[in-house]
N, C-alpha and C. Protein backbone atom coordinates (compact mmCIF):
# COMPACT_ATOMS: atom_id res chain seq x y z
N MET A 1 7.70 6.47 14.03
CA MET A 1 7.33 6.60 12.64
C MET A 1 8.10 7.77 12.04
N THR A 2 8.64 7.57 10.87
CA THR A 2 9.24 8.67 10.12
C THR A 2 8.51 8.78 8.79
N VAL A 3 8.28 9.99 8.34
CA VAL A 3 7.54 10.22 7.10
C VAL A 3 8.33 11.16 6.22
N ASP A 4 8.50 10.78 4.96
CA ASP A 4 9.10 11.64 3.94
C ASP A 4 7.95 12.13 3.08
N GLN A 5 7.70 13.45 3.07
CA GLN A 5 6.52 13.98 2.38
C GLN A 5 6.90 14.85 1.19
N ARG A 6 7.42 14.23 0.15
CA ARG A 6 7.62 14.96 -1.10
C ARG A 6 6.29 14.97 -1.84
N ALA A 7 6.14 15.91 -2.74
CA ALA A 7 4.84 16.14 -3.38
C ALA A 7 4.27 14.90 -4.07
N ARG A 8 5.06 14.16 -4.82
CA ARG A 8 4.54 13.04 -5.59
C ARG A 8 5.00 11.70 -5.05
N HIS A 9 5.71 11.70 -3.97
CA HIS A 9 6.27 10.46 -3.42
C HIS A 9 6.31 10.59 -1.90
N ARG A 10 5.72 9.64 -1.22
CA ARG A 10 5.74 9.67 0.25
C ARG A 10 6.09 8.30 0.78
N THR A 11 6.88 8.28 1.84
CA THR A 11 7.20 7.04 2.52
C THR A 11 7.02 7.23 4.01
N ALA A 12 6.67 6.14 4.67
CA ALA A 12 6.53 6.16 6.12
C ALA A 12 6.98 4.81 6.66
N ARG A 13 7.80 4.84 7.70
CA ARG A 13 8.19 3.61 8.40
C ARG A 13 7.29 3.48 9.62
N LEU A 14 6.61 2.36 9.70
CA LEU A 14 5.64 2.13 10.76
C LEU A 14 5.99 0.87 11.54
N SER A 15 5.68 0.88 12.81
CA SER A 15 5.88 -0.29 13.65
C SER A 15 4.97 -1.41 13.17
N ALA A 16 5.49 -2.62 13.11
CA ALA A 16 4.68 -3.77 12.66
C ALA A 16 3.77 -4.23 13.80
N ALA A 17 2.84 -3.37 14.15
CA ALA A 17 1.87 -3.64 15.22
C ALA A 17 0.49 -3.31 14.68
N PRO A 18 -0.55 -3.92 15.22
CA PRO A 18 -1.91 -3.67 14.71
C PRO A 18 -2.30 -2.19 14.62
N ALA A 19 -1.81 -1.37 15.52
CA ALA A 19 -2.15 0.06 15.49
C ALA A 19 -1.63 0.76 14.24
N ALA A 20 -0.65 0.15 13.57
CA ALA A 20 -0.09 0.75 12.36
C ALA A 20 -1.03 0.65 11.16
N ILE A 21 -1.99 -0.26 11.21
CA ILE A 21 -2.89 -0.45 10.06
C ILE A 21 -3.76 0.78 9.84
N PRO A 22 -4.49 1.28 10.86
CA PRO A 22 -5.25 2.51 10.63
C PRO A 22 -4.34 3.71 10.38
N GLN A 23 -3.15 3.69 10.96
CA GLN A 23 -2.20 4.78 10.73
C GLN A 23 -1.79 4.81 9.25
N ALA A 24 -1.56 3.65 8.65
CA ALA A 24 -1.21 3.58 7.23
C ALA A 24 -2.36 4.11 6.37
N ARG A 25 -3.59 3.75 6.73
CA ARG A 25 -4.76 4.25 6.00
C ARG A 25 -4.85 5.77 6.08
N ARG A 26 -4.59 6.31 7.27
CA ARG A 26 -4.65 7.76 7.47
C ARG A 26 -3.59 8.46 6.62
N LEU A 27 -2.38 7.92 6.60
CA LEU A 27 -1.30 8.52 5.80
C LEU A 27 -1.65 8.49 4.32
N LEU A 28 -2.24 7.40 3.86
CA LEU A 28 -2.67 7.32 2.47
C LEU A 28 -3.75 8.35 2.19
N THR A 29 -4.73 8.45 3.07
CA THR A 29 -5.83 9.40 2.89
C THR A 29 -5.30 10.83 2.79
N GLU A 30 -4.31 11.17 3.64
CA GLU A 30 -3.70 12.50 3.59
C GLU A 30 -2.99 12.73 2.27
N ALA A 31 -2.24 11.73 1.80
CA ALA A 31 -1.53 11.87 0.52
C ALA A 31 -2.52 12.05 -0.62
N LEU A 32 -3.57 11.23 -0.63
CA LEU A 32 -4.57 11.34 -1.69
C LEU A 32 -5.22 12.72 -1.70
N ALA A 33 -5.54 13.25 -0.52
CA ALA A 33 -6.14 14.58 -0.44
C ALA A 33 -5.18 15.64 -0.99
N ASP A 34 -3.90 15.54 -0.62
CA ASP A 34 -2.91 16.49 -1.13
C ASP A 34 -2.75 16.40 -2.64
N TRP A 35 -2.99 15.21 -3.19
CA TRP A 35 -2.85 14.99 -4.63
C TRP A 35 -4.16 15.26 -5.38
N GLY A 36 -5.20 15.69 -4.67
CA GLY A 36 -6.45 16.04 -5.32
C GLY A 36 -7.38 14.89 -5.61
N VAL A 37 -7.15 13.75 -4.98
CA VAL A 37 -8.04 12.60 -5.17
C VAL A 37 -9.17 12.71 -4.16
N SER A 38 -10.38 12.80 -4.64
CA SER A 38 -11.55 12.93 -3.77
C SER A 38 -11.72 11.69 -2.91
N PRO A 39 -11.97 11.87 -1.60
CA PRO A 39 -12.04 10.73 -0.69
C PRO A 39 -13.20 9.77 -0.96
N GLY A 40 -14.27 10.24 -1.61
CA GLY A 40 -15.42 9.38 -1.86
C GLY A 40 -15.37 8.61 -3.16
N THR A 41 -14.26 8.71 -3.89
CA THR A 41 -14.17 8.02 -5.18
C THR A 41 -13.85 6.55 -5.01
N ASP A 42 -14.15 5.78 -6.05
CA ASP A 42 -13.80 4.36 -6.05
C ASP A 42 -12.30 4.18 -5.89
N LEU A 43 -11.52 5.04 -6.53
CA LEU A 43 -10.06 4.94 -6.44
C LEU A 43 -9.60 5.07 -5.00
N ALA A 44 -10.08 6.08 -4.29
CA ALA A 44 -9.67 6.28 -2.89
C ALA A 44 -10.10 5.10 -2.03
N TYR A 45 -11.32 4.63 -2.23
CA TYR A 45 -11.81 3.47 -1.46
C TYR A 45 -10.93 2.25 -1.74
N ASP A 46 -10.67 1.97 -3.02
CA ASP A 46 -9.86 0.81 -3.38
C ASP A 46 -8.47 0.88 -2.78
N LEU A 47 -7.84 2.06 -2.85
CA LEU A 47 -6.50 2.20 -2.31
C LEU A 47 -6.48 2.05 -0.79
N ARG A 48 -7.49 2.57 -0.10
CA ARG A 48 -7.55 2.39 1.36
C ARG A 48 -7.68 0.91 1.71
N LEU A 49 -8.52 0.20 0.98
CA LEU A 49 -8.68 -1.24 1.21
C LEU A 49 -7.36 -1.98 0.97
N ILE A 50 -6.71 -1.66 -0.14
CA ILE A 50 -5.45 -2.32 -0.48
C ILE A 50 -4.39 -2.05 0.57
N VAL A 51 -4.21 -0.80 0.97
CA VAL A 51 -3.21 -0.47 1.99
C VAL A 51 -3.53 -1.16 3.31
N SER A 52 -4.79 -1.19 3.68
CA SER A 52 -5.18 -1.88 4.92
C SER A 52 -4.78 -3.34 4.89
N GLU A 53 -5.08 -4.01 3.79
CA GLU A 53 -4.79 -5.44 3.69
C GLU A 53 -3.30 -5.73 3.59
N LEU A 54 -2.56 -4.93 2.82
CA LEU A 54 -1.12 -5.15 2.72
C LEU A 54 -0.43 -4.89 4.05
N ALA A 55 -0.84 -3.83 4.74
CA ALA A 55 -0.26 -3.54 6.06
C ALA A 55 -0.61 -4.65 7.05
N ALA A 56 -1.86 -5.10 7.03
CA ALA A 56 -2.27 -6.18 7.94
C ALA A 56 -1.49 -7.46 7.65
N ASN A 57 -1.26 -7.75 6.38
CA ASN A 57 -0.51 -8.94 6.02
C ASN A 57 0.92 -8.85 6.54
N SER A 58 1.53 -7.68 6.43
CA SER A 58 2.88 -7.48 6.93
C SER A 58 2.93 -7.62 8.45
N VAL A 59 1.98 -7.01 9.13
CA VAL A 59 1.93 -7.08 10.60
C VAL A 59 1.71 -8.53 11.05
N ARG A 60 0.80 -9.21 10.40
CA ARG A 60 0.41 -10.57 10.81
C ARG A 60 1.49 -11.61 10.49
N ASN A 61 2.13 -11.49 9.33
CA ASN A 61 3.00 -12.57 8.88
C ASN A 61 4.49 -12.28 8.95
N ALA A 62 4.88 -11.02 9.05
CA ALA A 62 6.30 -10.70 9.00
C ALA A 62 6.83 -10.08 10.28
N ASP A 63 6.00 -9.95 11.30
CA ASP A 63 6.40 -9.18 12.48
C ASP A 63 7.61 -9.76 13.20
N ARG A 64 7.83 -11.07 13.15
CA ARG A 64 9.00 -11.64 13.84
C ARG A 64 10.31 -11.25 13.17
N LEU A 65 10.29 -11.20 11.84
CA LEU A 65 11.49 -10.86 11.09
C LEU A 65 11.60 -9.37 10.80
N SER A 66 10.49 -8.66 10.93
CA SER A 66 10.45 -7.27 10.52
C SER A 66 9.66 -6.45 11.54
N PRO A 67 10.34 -5.83 12.51
CA PRO A 67 9.63 -5.06 13.52
C PRO A 67 9.01 -3.77 12.97
N VAL A 68 9.40 -3.39 11.76
CA VAL A 68 8.81 -2.23 11.09
C VAL A 68 8.48 -2.62 9.65
N PHE A 69 7.57 -1.86 9.05
CA PHE A 69 7.36 -1.99 7.62
C PHE A 69 7.32 -0.59 7.04
N THR A 70 7.56 -0.49 5.75
CA THR A 70 7.59 0.80 5.08
C THR A 70 6.43 0.88 4.09
N LEU A 71 5.67 1.94 4.20
CA LEU A 71 4.59 2.24 3.26
C LEU A 71 5.10 3.30 2.29
N THR A 72 5.01 3.03 1.01
CA THR A 72 5.40 3.99 -0.02
C THR A 72 4.19 4.30 -0.88
N MET A 73 3.98 5.57 -1.16
CA MET A 73 2.86 6.02 -1.99
C MET A 73 3.43 6.93 -3.07
N VAL A 74 3.07 6.66 -4.33
CA VAL A 74 3.63 7.40 -5.45
C VAL A 74 2.51 7.83 -6.38
N LEU A 75 2.48 9.12 -6.70
CA LEU A 75 1.57 9.64 -7.72
C LEU A 75 2.36 9.74 -9.01
N GLY A 76 1.96 8.95 -10.00
CA GLY A 76 2.63 8.99 -11.30
C GLY A 76 1.72 9.62 -12.33
N ASP A 77 2.18 9.66 -13.55
CA ASP A 77 1.37 10.19 -14.64
C ASP A 77 0.31 9.15 -14.99
N GLY A 78 -0.91 9.39 -14.55
CA GLY A 78 -2.01 8.50 -14.88
C GLY A 78 -2.19 7.32 -13.95
N HIS A 79 -1.44 7.27 -12.85
CA HIS A 79 -1.59 6.15 -11.92
C HIS A 79 -1.15 6.54 -10.51
N ILE A 80 -1.55 5.71 -9.56
CA ILE A 80 -1.06 5.82 -8.19
C ILE A 80 -0.56 4.45 -7.77
N GLY A 81 0.63 4.42 -7.20
CA GLY A 81 1.21 3.17 -6.73
C GLY A 81 1.36 3.19 -5.22
N VAL A 82 1.14 2.04 -4.61
CA VAL A 82 1.40 1.88 -3.18
C VAL A 82 2.23 0.62 -3.00
N GLY A 83 3.18 0.69 -2.08
CA GLY A 83 4.03 -0.46 -1.79
C GLY A 83 4.18 -0.63 -0.30
N VAL A 84 4.23 -1.88 0.13
CA VAL A 84 4.49 -2.19 1.53
C VAL A 84 5.70 -3.11 1.57
N HIS A 85 6.75 -2.66 2.26
CA HIS A 85 8.00 -3.41 2.37
C HIS A 85 8.18 -3.92 3.79
N ASP A 86 8.62 -5.17 3.89
CA ASP A 86 9.03 -5.72 5.19
C ASP A 86 10.26 -6.59 4.97
N ALA A 87 10.91 -6.97 6.06
CA ALA A 87 12.17 -7.70 5.97
C ALA A 87 11.99 -9.21 5.84
N ASP A 88 10.76 -9.69 5.76
CA ASP A 88 10.50 -11.11 5.59
C ASP A 88 10.69 -11.48 4.12
N PRO A 89 11.62 -12.41 3.82
CA PRO A 89 11.86 -12.75 2.42
C PRO A 89 10.78 -13.63 1.80
N ARG A 90 9.95 -14.23 2.62
CA ARG A 90 8.94 -15.15 2.08
C ARG A 90 7.90 -14.37 1.28
N PRO A 91 7.44 -14.95 0.17
CA PRO A 91 6.38 -14.29 -0.58
C PRO A 91 5.11 -14.24 0.26
N PRO A 92 4.19 -13.36 -0.10
CA PRO A 92 2.94 -13.30 0.66
C PRO A 92 2.29 -14.69 0.69
N VAL A 93 1.68 -14.99 1.81
CA VAL A 93 1.03 -16.29 1.93
C VAL A 93 -0.07 -16.39 0.89
N ARG A 94 -0.43 -17.62 0.58
CA ARG A 94 -1.50 -17.85 -0.39
C ARG A 94 -2.66 -16.94 -0.08
N PRO A 95 -3.21 -16.30 -1.10
CA PRO A 95 -4.28 -15.33 -0.83
C PRO A 95 -5.41 -15.91 0.02
N GLY A 96 -5.58 -15.31 1.17
CA GLY A 96 -6.73 -15.64 2.00
C GLY A 96 -7.81 -14.63 1.69
N ASP A 97 -8.69 -14.39 2.63
CA ASP A 97 -9.78 -13.45 2.38
C ASP A 97 -9.25 -12.07 2.00
N GLY A 98 -8.31 -11.54 2.79
CA GLY A 98 -7.83 -10.18 2.57
C GLY A 98 -7.09 -10.01 1.26
N LEU A 99 -6.06 -10.83 1.02
CA LEU A 99 -5.31 -10.69 -0.23
C LEU A 99 -6.15 -11.12 -1.42
N GLY A 100 -7.08 -12.03 -1.22
CA GLY A 100 -8.00 -12.41 -2.29
C GLY A 100 -8.83 -11.22 -2.74
N VAL A 101 -9.34 -10.46 -1.78
CA VAL A 101 -10.11 -9.25 -2.09
C VAL A 101 -9.22 -8.23 -2.80
N VAL A 102 -8.00 -8.08 -2.34
CA VAL A 102 -7.06 -7.15 -2.97
C VAL A 102 -6.87 -7.52 -4.44
N HIS A 103 -6.66 -8.80 -4.72
CA HIS A 103 -6.46 -9.22 -6.11
C HIS A 103 -7.71 -8.98 -6.95
N GLU A 104 -8.89 -9.16 -6.37
CA GLU A 104 -10.13 -8.87 -7.10
C GLU A 104 -10.24 -7.38 -7.43
N VAL A 105 -9.91 -6.53 -6.45
CA VAL A 105 -9.97 -5.08 -6.66
C VAL A 105 -8.98 -4.66 -7.75
N ILE A 106 -7.77 -5.20 -7.69
CA ILE A 106 -6.75 -4.86 -8.68
C ILE A 106 -7.22 -5.26 -10.08
N THR A 107 -7.77 -6.46 -10.20
CA THR A 107 -8.25 -6.93 -11.49
C THR A 107 -9.39 -6.06 -12.01
N GLU A 108 -10.35 -5.76 -11.15
CA GLU A 108 -11.50 -4.95 -11.54
C GLU A 108 -11.08 -3.54 -11.96
N ALA A 109 -10.06 -3.00 -11.31
CA ALA A 109 -9.60 -1.64 -11.60
C ALA A 109 -8.57 -1.60 -12.73
N HIS A 110 -8.24 -2.76 -13.30
CA HIS A 110 -7.23 -2.86 -14.36
C HIS A 110 -5.86 -2.40 -13.86
N GLY A 111 -5.57 -2.76 -12.61
CA GLY A 111 -4.28 -2.43 -12.02
C GLY A 111 -3.30 -3.57 -12.17
N ILE A 112 -2.14 -3.38 -11.58
CA ILE A 112 -1.11 -4.42 -11.60
C ILE A 112 -0.56 -4.59 -10.20
N THR A 113 0.01 -5.75 -9.95
CA THR A 113 0.66 -6.02 -8.68
C THR A 113 1.96 -6.76 -8.94
N GLU A 114 2.92 -6.55 -8.07
CA GLU A 114 4.21 -7.21 -8.21
C GLU A 114 4.85 -7.33 -6.84
N VAL A 115 5.50 -8.46 -6.62
CA VAL A 115 6.28 -8.64 -5.40
C VAL A 115 7.75 -8.59 -5.80
N GLN A 116 8.50 -7.65 -5.21
CA GLN A 116 9.91 -7.49 -5.53
C GLN A 116 10.76 -7.89 -4.33
N SER A 117 11.78 -8.71 -4.58
CA SER A 117 12.78 -8.98 -3.56
C SER A 117 13.64 -7.74 -3.42
N THR A 118 14.10 -7.47 -2.21
CA THR A 118 14.88 -6.26 -1.98
C THR A 118 16.28 -6.61 -1.49
N GLU A 119 17.19 -5.66 -1.59
CA GLU A 119 18.59 -5.88 -1.22
C GLU A 119 18.76 -6.28 0.24
N ASP A 120 17.84 -5.86 1.10
CA ASP A 120 17.97 -6.20 2.52
C ASP A 120 17.46 -7.61 2.82
N GLY A 121 17.10 -8.35 1.79
CA GLY A 121 16.61 -9.71 1.98
C GLY A 121 15.12 -9.79 2.17
N GLY A 122 14.45 -8.65 2.17
CA GLY A 122 13.00 -8.63 2.35
C GLY A 122 12.27 -8.58 1.03
N LYS A 123 11.07 -8.02 1.07
CA LYS A 123 10.26 -7.91 -0.14
C LYS A 123 9.38 -6.66 -0.06
N THR A 124 8.97 -6.19 -1.22
CA THR A 124 8.00 -5.12 -1.32
C THR A 124 6.86 -5.61 -2.20
N MET A 125 5.65 -5.48 -1.70
CA MET A 125 4.47 -5.80 -2.50
C MET A 125 3.95 -4.48 -3.05
N TRP A 126 3.96 -4.35 -4.37
CA TRP A 126 3.52 -3.15 -5.07
C TRP A 126 2.17 -3.35 -5.71
N VAL A 127 1.34 -2.34 -5.65
CA VAL A 127 0.07 -2.30 -6.38
C VAL A 127 0.01 -0.94 -7.07
N VAL A 128 -0.34 -0.97 -8.35
CA VAL A 128 -0.48 0.26 -9.13
C VAL A 128 -1.87 0.26 -9.75
N LEU A 129 -2.62 1.33 -9.50
CA LEU A 129 -3.95 1.49 -10.07
C LEU A 129 -3.98 2.71 -10.98
N PRO A 130 -4.65 2.59 -12.12
CA PRO A 130 -4.77 3.74 -13.02
C PRO A 130 -5.74 4.77 -12.45
N LEU A 131 -5.49 6.04 -12.79
CA LEU A 131 -6.43 7.09 -12.39
C LEU A 131 -7.71 6.98 -13.21
N ASP A 132 -7.60 6.96 -14.51
CA ASP A 132 -8.74 6.73 -15.42
C ASP A 132 -10.05 7.34 -14.96
N GLY A 133 -10.01 8.57 -14.48
CA GLY A 133 -11.23 9.23 -14.07
C GLY A 133 -11.82 8.73 -12.76
N ARG A 134 -11.10 7.85 -12.05
CA ARG A 134 -11.61 7.28 -10.80
C ARG A 134 -11.36 8.20 -9.62
N GLY A 135 -10.55 9.22 -9.81
CA GLY A 135 -10.30 10.25 -8.80
C GLY A 135 -10.22 11.55 -9.58
N THR A 136 -10.02 12.64 -8.91
CA THR A 136 -9.94 13.91 -9.64
C THR A 136 -8.59 14.56 -9.40
N CYS A 137 -7.53 13.99 -9.99
CA CYS A 137 -6.19 14.57 -9.87
C CYS A 137 -6.00 15.61 -10.94
């Protein structure tokens, strides 16, 4: 694992293995704490759930084409974005339980999601949630 820890932007390359899912959650929790987001807030809970599901989806569905995935966390003005990149060019599979819950959380929080194709032939699934008083940054 390699981690780039700039103040408002963090990235980590993680092995596409089940053990990386709690590791991704831990890295997010550390970033949120450094950014002043209280761990017990709805925002922190929602982001942990989203990162868990996106990482699990990458591990479960892209591991043959992508032995690693990249977690990106960005603190912006009024929002926090998280992205999970893998080398699998296929779009995320039809929302099952996990991605279905992610989409419900995004909708409820008035967030946005986008899947971007990347130059390496893979994709990044981005989720951006507004701060809107849901954390204390």
